[in-house]
């Protein structure tokens, strides 16, 4: 499932990970895309990639930039730059 959700947010970014099953985030500016194995989010401090299995978007508060993700969380990574993944067809027909 590929989605893009953009919304207003407060300037602060925090996250709380509870038992590697629940991830509570604030300061989310954009949910670039997500599926059951990966979430790509833009936060006020840069891009964040969450990897795992059986991941689902449990709460989305676009007014405050709050997100809750549930599932089996295997990794959280920040990056300063985000590159959109190109499909195989878009690379073939350049």
N, C-alpha and C. Protein backbone atom coordinates (compact mmCIF):
# COMPACT_ATOMS: atom_id res chain seq x y z
N UNK A 1 0.85 -1.16 0.00
CA UNK A 1 0.00 0.00 0.00
C UNK A 1 0.89 1.23 0.00
N UNK A 2 0.69 2.13 -0.94
CA UNK A 2 1.52 3.32 -1.01
C UNK A 2 0.63 4.53 -0.82
N UNK A 3 0.99 5.39 0.12
CA UNK A 3 0.21 6.54 0.49
C UNK A 3 1.11 7.74 0.68
N UNK A 4 0.54 8.94 0.57
CA UNK A 4 1.27 10.16 0.90
C UNK A 4 0.31 11.08 1.63
N UNK A 5 0.61 11.36 2.88
CA UNK A 5 -0.24 12.22 3.71
C UNK A 5 0.62 13.35 4.24
N UNK A 6 0.22 14.59 3.94
CA UNK A 6 0.96 15.76 4.40
C UNK A 6 0.05 16.57 5.31
N UNK A 7 0.63 17.14 6.37
CA UNK A 7 -0.19 17.91 7.30
C UNK A 7 0.66 18.84 8.13
N UNK A 8 -0.03 19.77 8.79
CA UNK A 8 0.64 20.73 9.67
C UNK A 8 1.09 20.01 10.94
N UNK A 9 2.12 20.54 11.56
CA UNK A 9 2.65 19.89 12.75
C UNK A 9 3.29 20.91 13.67
N UNK A 10 3.52 20.49 14.90
CA UNK A 10 4.28 21.37 15.79
C UNK A 10 5.77 21.19 15.48
N UNK A 11 6.62 22.12 15.93
CA UNK A 11 8.04 22.06 15.54
C UNK A 11 8.86 21.01 16.31
N UNK A 12 8.27 20.32 17.28
CA UNK A 12 9.02 19.39 18.11
C UNK A 12 8.79 17.96 17.65
N UNK A 13 9.85 17.16 17.72
CA UNK A 13 9.75 15.76 17.32
C UNK A 13 10.24 14.86 18.46
N UNK A 14 9.42 13.91 18.81
CA UNK A 14 9.76 12.92 19.83
C UNK A 14 9.20 11.57 19.41
N UNK A 15 9.79 10.51 19.94
CA UNK A 15 9.14 9.22 19.78
C UNK A 15 9.36 8.37 21.02
N UNK A 16 8.36 7.53 21.28
CA UNK A 16 8.40 6.60 22.40
C UNK A 16 8.11 5.22 21.81
N UNK A 17 9.01 4.28 22.09
CA UNK A 17 8.83 2.91 21.62
C UNK A 17 8.52 2.04 22.84
N UNK A 18 7.37 1.39 22.80
CA UNK A 18 6.93 0.56 23.92
C UNK A 18 7.03 -0.92 23.53
N UNK A 19 7.97 -1.60 24.18
CA UNK A 19 8.17 -3.05 24.01
C UNK A 19 8.30 -3.49 22.55
N UNK A 20 8.82 -2.59 21.71
CA UNK A 20 9.01 -2.85 20.27
C UNK A 20 7.72 -3.25 19.57
N UNK A 21 6.58 -2.86 20.14
CA UNK A 21 5.27 -3.18 19.56
C UNK A 21 4.46 -1.93 19.22
N UNK A 22 4.72 -0.83 19.94
CA UNK A 22 3.97 0.41 19.74
C UNK A 22 4.98 1.55 19.64
N UNK A 23 4.84 2.36 18.59
CA UNK A 23 5.71 3.51 18.39
C UNK A 23 4.84 4.75 18.33
N UNK A 24 5.02 5.65 19.29
CA UNK A 24 4.28 6.91 19.36
C UNK A 24 5.20 8.03 18.89
N UNK A 25 4.78 8.76 17.86
CA UNK A 25 5.60 9.82 17.27
C UNK A 25 4.89 11.16 17.33
N UNK A 26 5.65 12.22 17.55
CA UNK A 26 5.14 13.58 17.41
C UNK A 26 6.07 14.32 16.45
N UNK A 27 5.60 15.44 15.93
CA UNK A 27 6.41 16.22 15.00
C UNK A 27 6.52 15.59 13.63
N UNK A 28 5.53 14.82 13.22
CA UNK A 28 5.53 14.21 11.89
C UNK A 28 4.91 15.20 10.91
N UNK A 29 5.62 15.49 9.83
CA UNK A 29 5.16 16.43 8.82
C UNK A 29 4.49 15.75 7.65
N UNK A 30 4.90 14.50 7.36
CA UNK A 30 4.45 13.85 6.14
C UNK A 30 4.62 12.34 6.31
N UNK A 31 3.59 11.59 5.97
CA UNK A 31 3.72 10.14 5.87
C UNK A 31 3.87 9.86 4.37
N UNK A 32 5.11 9.63 3.95
CA UNK A 32 5.41 9.49 2.52
C UNK A 32 4.78 8.22 1.96
N UNK A 33 5.02 7.10 2.64
CA UNK A 33 4.43 5.83 2.20
C UNK A 33 4.58 4.83 3.33
N UNK A 34 3.75 3.80 3.24
CA UNK A 34 3.83 2.75 4.26
C UNK A 34 3.19 1.48 3.76
N UNK A 35 3.66 0.38 4.33
CA UNK A 35 3.04 -0.92 4.14
C UNK A 35 3.30 -1.73 5.40
N UNK A 36 3.03 -3.00 5.38
CA UNK A 36 3.15 -3.80 6.60
C UNK A 36 4.59 -4.04 7.04
N UNK A 37 5.57 -3.69 6.18
CA UNK A 37 6.98 -3.90 6.50
C UNK A 37 7.80 -2.63 6.68
N UNK A 38 7.27 -1.48 6.25
CA UNK A 38 8.08 -0.26 6.28
C UNK A 38 7.20 0.99 6.26
N UNK A 39 7.60 1.98 7.05
CA UNK A 39 7.00 3.31 7.03
C UNK A 39 8.10 4.31 6.71
N UNK A 40 7.83 5.25 5.81
CA UNK A 40 8.74 6.36 5.50
C UNK A 40 8.01 7.64 5.91
N UNK A 41 8.59 8.36 6.88
CA UNK A 41 7.96 9.55 7.42
C UNK A 41 8.92 10.74 7.33
N UNK A 42 8.38 11.92 7.11
CA UNK A 42 9.17 13.14 7.23
C UNK A 42 8.82 13.77 8.58
N UNK A 43 9.83 14.00 9.40
CA UNK A 43 9.62 14.63 10.70
C UNK A 43 10.25 16.02 10.67
N UNK A 44 10.06 16.74 11.74
CA UNK A 44 10.66 18.08 11.83
C UNK A 44 12.18 18.01 11.93
N UNK A 45 12.73 16.82 12.21
CA UNK A 45 14.18 16.64 12.29
C UNK A 45 14.75 15.81 11.15
N UNK A 46 13.99 15.60 10.09
CA UNK A 46 14.47 14.84 8.94
C UNK A 46 13.61 13.62 8.66
N UNK A 47 14.06 12.81 7.71
CA UNK A 47 13.33 11.62 7.30
C UNK A 47 13.58 10.46 8.26
N UNK A 48 12.56 9.67 8.49
CA UNK A 48 12.62 8.54 9.40
C UNK A 48 12.07 7.30 8.69
N UNK A 49 12.80 6.20 8.82
CA UNK A 49 12.38 4.93 8.24
C UNK A 49 12.17 3.94 9.39
N UNK A 50 10.98 3.35 9.45
CA UNK A 50 10.65 2.36 10.46
C UNK A 50 10.45 1.04 9.74
N UNK A 51 11.19 0.02 10.15
CA UNK A 51 11.09 -1.29 9.52
C UNK A 51 10.60 -2.32 10.54
N UNK A 52 9.88 -3.32 10.04
CA UNK A 52 9.37 -4.36 10.91
C UNK A 52 8.45 -5.29 10.15
N UNK A 53 7.52 -5.88 10.86
CA UNK A 53 6.53 -6.75 10.24
C UNK A 53 5.18 -6.50 10.91
N UNK A 54 4.14 -6.75 10.15
CA UNK A 54 2.77 -6.54 10.62
C UNK A 54 2.55 -5.12 11.13
N UNK A 55 3.22 -4.15 10.50
CA UNK A 55 3.08 -2.74 10.89
C UNK A 55 1.76 -2.19 10.40
N UNK A 56 1.13 -1.36 11.24
CA UNK A 56 -0.12 -0.72 10.84
C UNK A 56 -0.18 0.68 11.45
N UNK A 57 -0.86 1.56 10.74
CA UNK A 57 -1.06 2.93 11.20
C UNK A 57 -2.27 2.92 12.12
N UNK A 58 -2.03 3.17 13.40
CA UNK A 58 -3.11 3.07 14.38
C UNK A 58 -3.73 4.42 14.69
N UNK A 59 -2.93 5.49 14.67
CA UNK A 59 -3.46 6.84 14.93
C UNK A 59 -2.76 7.81 13.99
N UNK A 60 -3.55 8.74 13.46
CA UNK A 60 -3.01 9.80 12.61
C UNK A 60 -3.72 11.09 12.98
N UNK A 61 -3.02 12.00 13.64
CA UNK A 61 -3.56 13.30 14.02
C UNK A 61 -2.87 14.35 13.16
N UNK A 62 -3.54 14.74 12.09
CA UNK A 62 -2.92 15.68 11.14
C UNK A 62 -2.83 17.09 11.69
N UNK A 63 -3.62 17.43 12.67
CA UNK A 63 -3.58 18.77 13.25
C UNK A 63 -2.33 18.98 14.09
N UNK A 64 -1.92 17.95 14.82
CA UNK A 64 -0.76 18.07 15.71
C UNK A 64 0.47 17.31 15.22
N UNK A 65 0.35 16.50 14.18
CA UNK A 65 1.49 15.74 13.67
C UNK A 65 1.83 14.53 14.51
N UNK A 66 0.81 13.93 15.14
CA UNK A 66 1.01 12.75 15.97
C UNK A 66 0.64 11.49 15.21
N UNK A 67 1.47 10.47 15.35
CA UNK A 67 1.25 9.19 14.67
C UNK A 67 1.54 8.07 15.66
N UNK A 68 0.73 7.01 15.61
CA UNK A 68 1.02 5.80 16.37
C UNK A 68 1.06 4.63 15.38
N UNK A 69 2.15 3.88 15.45
CA UNK A 69 2.35 2.70 14.60
C UNK A 69 2.42 1.49 15.51
N UNK A 70 1.68 0.45 15.14
CA UNK A 70 1.72 -0.80 15.91
C UNK A 70 2.23 -1.92 15.03
N UNK A 71 2.88 -2.90 15.64
CA UNK A 71 3.41 -4.06 14.93
C UNK A 71 4.70 -4.51 15.58
N UNK A 72 5.44 -5.31 14.86
CA UNK A 72 6.74 -5.79 15.33
C UNK A 72 7.82 -4.87 14.77
N UNK A 73 8.36 -3.99 15.61
CA UNK A 73 9.31 -2.98 15.16
C UNK A 73 10.72 -3.54 15.25
N UNK A 74 11.39 -3.61 14.09
CA UNK A 74 12.75 -4.15 14.01
C UNK A 74 13.82 -3.07 13.95
N UNK A 75 13.48 -1.89 13.42
CA UNK A 75 14.49 -0.85 13.30
C UNK A 75 13.91 0.51 13.05
N UNK A 76 14.61 1.53 13.53
CA UNK A 76 14.25 2.93 13.32
C UNK A 76 15.51 3.64 12.86
N UNK A 77 15.41 4.36 11.75
CA UNK A 77 16.59 5.02 11.19
C UNK A 77 16.22 6.43 10.72
N UNK A 78 17.10 7.39 11.04
CA UNK A 78 16.96 8.75 10.53
C UNK A 78 17.92 8.96 9.36
N UNK A 79 17.46 9.71 8.37
CA UNK A 79 18.33 10.12 7.27
C UNK A 79 18.10 11.60 7.01
N UNK A 80 19.10 12.27 6.48
CA UNK A 80 18.95 13.69 6.18
C UNK A 80 18.31 13.92 4.82
N UNK A 81 18.42 12.97 3.93
CA UNK A 81 17.84 13.11 2.59
C UNK A 81 16.99 11.88 2.31
N UNK A 82 15.94 12.08 1.52
CA UNK A 82 15.05 10.99 1.15
C UNK A 82 14.99 10.90 -0.36
N UNK A 83 15.16 9.70 -0.87
CA UNK A 83 15.04 9.48 -2.30
C UNK A 83 13.83 8.59 -2.52
N UNK A 84 12.93 9.06 -3.39
CA UNK A 84 11.78 8.23 -3.73
C UNK A 84 12.24 7.00 -4.48
N UNK A 85 11.69 5.87 -4.12
CA UNK A 85 12.02 4.65 -4.83
C UNK A 85 11.33 4.67 -6.18
N UNK A 86 12.11 4.45 -7.23
CA UNK A 86 11.54 4.41 -8.56
C UNK A 86 11.14 2.98 -8.89
N UNK A 87 10.06 2.86 -9.62
CA UNK A 87 9.63 1.53 -10.03
C UNK A 87 10.54 1.00 -11.13
N UNK A 88 10.49 -0.28 -11.33
CA UNK A 88 11.29 -0.92 -12.38
C UNK A 88 10.95 -0.33 -13.74
N UNK A 89 9.66 -0.09 -14.01
CA UNK A 89 9.25 0.44 -15.31
C UNK A 89 9.74 1.86 -15.52
N UNK A 90 9.74 2.69 -14.50
CA UNK A 90 10.20 4.06 -14.68
C UNK A 90 11.70 4.10 -14.97
N UNK A 91 12.46 3.16 -14.40
CA UNK A 91 13.90 3.10 -14.68
C UNK A 91 14.17 2.56 -16.07
N UNK A 92 13.35 1.64 -16.55
CA UNK A 92 13.55 1.06 -17.87
C UNK A 92 13.25 2.04 -18.99
N UNK A 93 12.25 2.92 -18.78
CA UNK A 93 11.80 3.79 -19.85
C UNK A 93 12.31 5.22 -19.72
N UNK A 94 13.46 5.43 -19.11
CA UNK A 94 14.07 6.76 -19.03
C UNK A 94 14.69 7.12 -20.33
